[in-house]
Amino acid sequence: MDAPILYLVFLEPDPGAEALGSALQPLACGLYLAASTRTRSQLYHALKRRAQPRRLLVAPLADAPKFKGMAPGALAWLRTAAGRAMPRGAA
């Protein structure tokens, strides 16, 4: 199995974490982190079908982001996910 890739996801309107499932970690309203083995296109289209947002952004991250003041539990989730996720092309 491929190592997961870390993605930054933005959806507007925000459907809420419950509607998106456990694969995404909320950071702020509409802003999420995802660790997925899907390609960017696969994740984008899955979110587009599921949430039907007006605005959608899915961007792979080369490294774990630095942040402050985000949703409770986000940093702990990132530390766990970043241990599993590898930047594309790294091996």
C-alpha atoms as a PDB file:
ATOM      1  CA  MET A   1       0.000   0.000   0.000  1.00  0.00           C
ATOM      2  CA  ASP A   2       1.243   3.494  -0.868  1.00  0.00           C
ATOM      3  CA  ALA A   3       2.022   5.923   1.925  1.00  0.00           C
ATOM      4  CA  PRO A   4      -0.667   8.576   2.365  1.00  0.00           C
ATOM      5  CA  ILE A   5      -0.123  12.066   0.975  1.00  0.00           C
ATOM      6  CA  LEU A   6      -0.951  15.111   3.077  1.00  0.00           C
ATOM      7  CA  TYR A   7      -3.456  17.533   1.483  1.00  0.00           C
ATOM      8  CA  LEU A   8      -4.849  20.930   2.407  1.00  0.00           C
ATOM      9  CA  VAL A   9      -8.582  21.112   1.632  1.00  0.00           C
ATOM     10  CA  PHE A  10     -10.926  24.094   1.572  1.00  0.00           C
ATOM     11  CA  LEU A  11     -14.694  23.817   1.052  1.00  0.00           C
ATOM     12  CA  GLU A  12     -17.319  26.553   0.946  1.00  0.00           C
ATOM     13  CA  PRO A  13     -19.879  26.293   2.297  1.00  0.00           C
ATOM     14  CA  ASP A  14     -18.404  24.133   5.014  1.00  0.00           C
ATOM     15  CA  PRO A  15     -20.456  20.917   5.228  1.00  0.00           C
ATOM     16  CA  GLY A  16     -18.959  20.110   8.639  1.00  0.00           C
ATOM     17  CA  ALA A  17     -16.570  17.356   9.621  1.00  0.00           C
ATOM     18  CA  GLU A  18     -19.390  14.896  10.327  1.00  0.00           C
ATOM     19  CA  ALA A  19     -20.542  15.078   6.705  1.00  0.00           C
ATOM     20  CA  LEU A  20     -17.033  14.505   5.369  1.00  0.00           C
ATOM     21  CA  GLY A  21     -16.075  11.511   7.474  1.00  0.00           C
ATOM     22  CA  SER A  22     -13.001  10.771   9.531  1.00  0.00           C
ATOM     23  CA  ALA A  23     -10.527  11.111   6.639  1.00  0.00           C
ATOM     24  CA  LEU A  24     -10.389  14.899   7.064  1.00  0.00           C
ATOM     25  CA  GLN A  25      -9.213  16.820  10.121  1.00  0.00           C
ATOM     26  CA  PRO A  26     -10.853  20.218  10.624  1.00  0.00           C
ATOM     27  CA  LEU A  27      -8.521  23.194  11.078  1.00  0.00           C
ATOM     28  CA  ALA A  28     -11.020  26.074  10.826  1.00  0.00           C
ATOM     29  CA  CYS A  29     -14.339  26.777   9.147  1.00  0.00           C
ATOM     30  CA  GLY A  30     -14.113  25.059   5.749  1.00  0.00           C
ATOM     31  CA  LEU A  31     -10.381  24.337   6.111  1.00  0.00           C
ATOM     32  CA  TYR A  32      -9.189  20.751   6.558  1.00  0.00           C
ATOM     33  CA  LEU A  33      -6.143  18.522   6.410  1.00  0.00           C
ATOM     34  CA  ALA A  34      -6.391  15.111   4.773  1.00  0.00           C
ATOM     35  CA  ALA A  35      -3.964  12.192   4.693  1.00  0.00           C
ATOM     36  CA  SER A  36      -4.969  10.023   1.756  1.00  0.00           C
ATOM     37  CA  THR A  37      -3.585   7.425  -0.620  1.00  0.00           C
ATOM     38  CA  ARG A  38      -5.876   8.871  -3.311  1.00  0.00           C
ATOM     39  CA  THR A  39      -4.478  11.150  -5.991  1.00  0.00           C
ATOM     40  CA  ARG A  40      -5.321  14.840  -5.806  1.00  0.00           C
ATOM     41  CA  SER A  41      -7.864  14.378  -8.589  1.00  0.00           C
ATOM     42  CA  GLN A  42      -9.511  11.378  -6.909  1.00  0.00           C
ATOM     43  CA  LEU A  43      -9.803  13.222  -3.583  1.00  0.00           C
ATOM     44  CA  TYR A  44     -11.082  16.383  -5.312  1.00  0.00           C
ATOM     45  CA  HIS A  45     -13.822  14.535  -7.198  1.00  0.00           C
ATOM     46  CA  ALA A  46     -14.838  12.470  -4.149  1.00  0.00           C
ATOM     47  CA  LEU A  47     -15.246  15.647  -2.080  1.00  0.00           C
ATOM     48  CA  LYS A  48     -17.013  17.430  -4.936  1.00  0.00           C
ATOM     49  CA  ARG A  49     -19.585  14.632  -5.213  1.00  0.00           C
ATOM     50  CA  ARG A  50     -20.047  14.214  -1.468  1.00  0.00           C
ATOM     51  CA  ALA A  51     -20.197  17.843  -0.317  1.00  0.00           C
ATOM     52  CA  GLN A  52     -21.246  19.662  -3.512  1.00  0.00           C
ATOM     53  CA  PRO A  53     -19.429  22.856  -2.471  1.00  0.00           C
ATOM     54  CA  ARG A  54     -19.523  26.175  -4.314  1.00  0.00           C
ATOM     55  CA  ARG A  55     -15.765  26.485  -3.817  1.00  0.00           C
ATOM     56  CA  LEU A  56     -13.281  23.642  -3.445  1.00  0.00           C
ATOM     57  CA  LEU A  57      -9.502  23.503  -3.164  1.00  0.00           C
ATOM     58  CA  VAL A  58      -7.401  20.348  -2.789  1.00  0.00           C
ATOM     59  CA  ALA A  59      -3.631  20.914  -2.645  1.00  0.00           C
ATOM     60  CA  PRO A  60      -0.909  18.387  -1.816  1.00  0.00           C
ATOM     61  CA  LEU A  61       1.558  19.524   0.831  1.00  0.00           C
ATOM     62  CA  ALA A  62       5.287  18.855   0.450  1.00  0.00           C
ATOM     63  CA  ASP A  63       5.708  18.902   4.223  1.00  0.00           C
ATOM     64  CA  ALA A  64       3.629  19.230   7.376  1.00  0.00           C
ATOM     65  CA  PRO A  65       2.359  22.817   7.719  1.00  0.00           C
ATOM     66  CA  LYS A  66       3.067  25.032  10.708  1.00  0.00           C
ATOM     67  CA  PHE A  67       0.002  26.605  12.277  1.00  0.00           C
ATOM     68  CA  LYS A  68      -1.369  28.163  15.427  1.00  0.00           C
ATOM     69  CA  GLY A  69      -4.877  28.623  16.784  1.00  0.00           C
ATOM     70  CA  MET A  70      -6.557  25.936  14.717  1.00  0.00           C
ATOM     71  CA  ALA A  71      -9.238  23.473  15.867  1.00  0.00           C
ATOM     72  CA  PRO A  72      -8.547  21.444  19.014  1.00  0.00           C
ATOM     73  CA  GLY A  73      -6.841  18.143  18.216  1.00  0.00           C
ATOM     74  CA  ALA A  74      -5.490  19.327  14.844  1.00  0.00           C
ATOM     75  CA  LEU A  75      -1.841  19.330  15.891  1.00  0.00           C
ATOM     76  CA  ALA A  76      -2.067  15.859  17.461  1.00  0.00           C
ATOM     77  CA  TRP A  77      -3.795  14.544  14.318  1.00  0.00           C
ATOM     78  CA  LEU A  78      -1.097  16.120  12.139  1.00  0.00           C
ATOM     79  CA  ARG A  79       1.725  14.576  14.162  1.00  0.00           C
ATOM     80  CA  THR A  80       0.141  11.148  13.734  1.00  0.00           C
ATOM     81  CA  ALA A  81      -0.739  11.642  10.051  1.00  0.00           C
ATOM     82  CA  ALA A  82       2.618  13.184   9.152  1.00  0.00           C
ATOM     83  CA  GLY A  83       4.335  10.105  10.521  1.00  0.00           C
ATOM     84  CA  ARG A  84       2.432   8.026   7.932  1.00  0.00           C
ATOM     85  CA  ALA A  85       2.369  10.542   5.073  1.00  0.00           C
ATOM     86  CA  MET A  86       5.298  11.094   2.779  1.00  0.00           C
ATOM     87  CA  PRO A  87       5.676  13.878   0.229  1.00  0.00           C
ATOM     88  CA  ARG A  88       5.070  12.733  -3.338  1.00  0.00           C
ATOM     89  CA  GLY A  89       8.295  11.425  -4.814  1.00  0.00           C
ATOM     90  CA  ALA A  90       9.936  10.768  -1.449  1.00  0.00           C
ATOM     91  CA  ALA A  91      10.964   7.214  -0.715  1.00  0.00           C
END
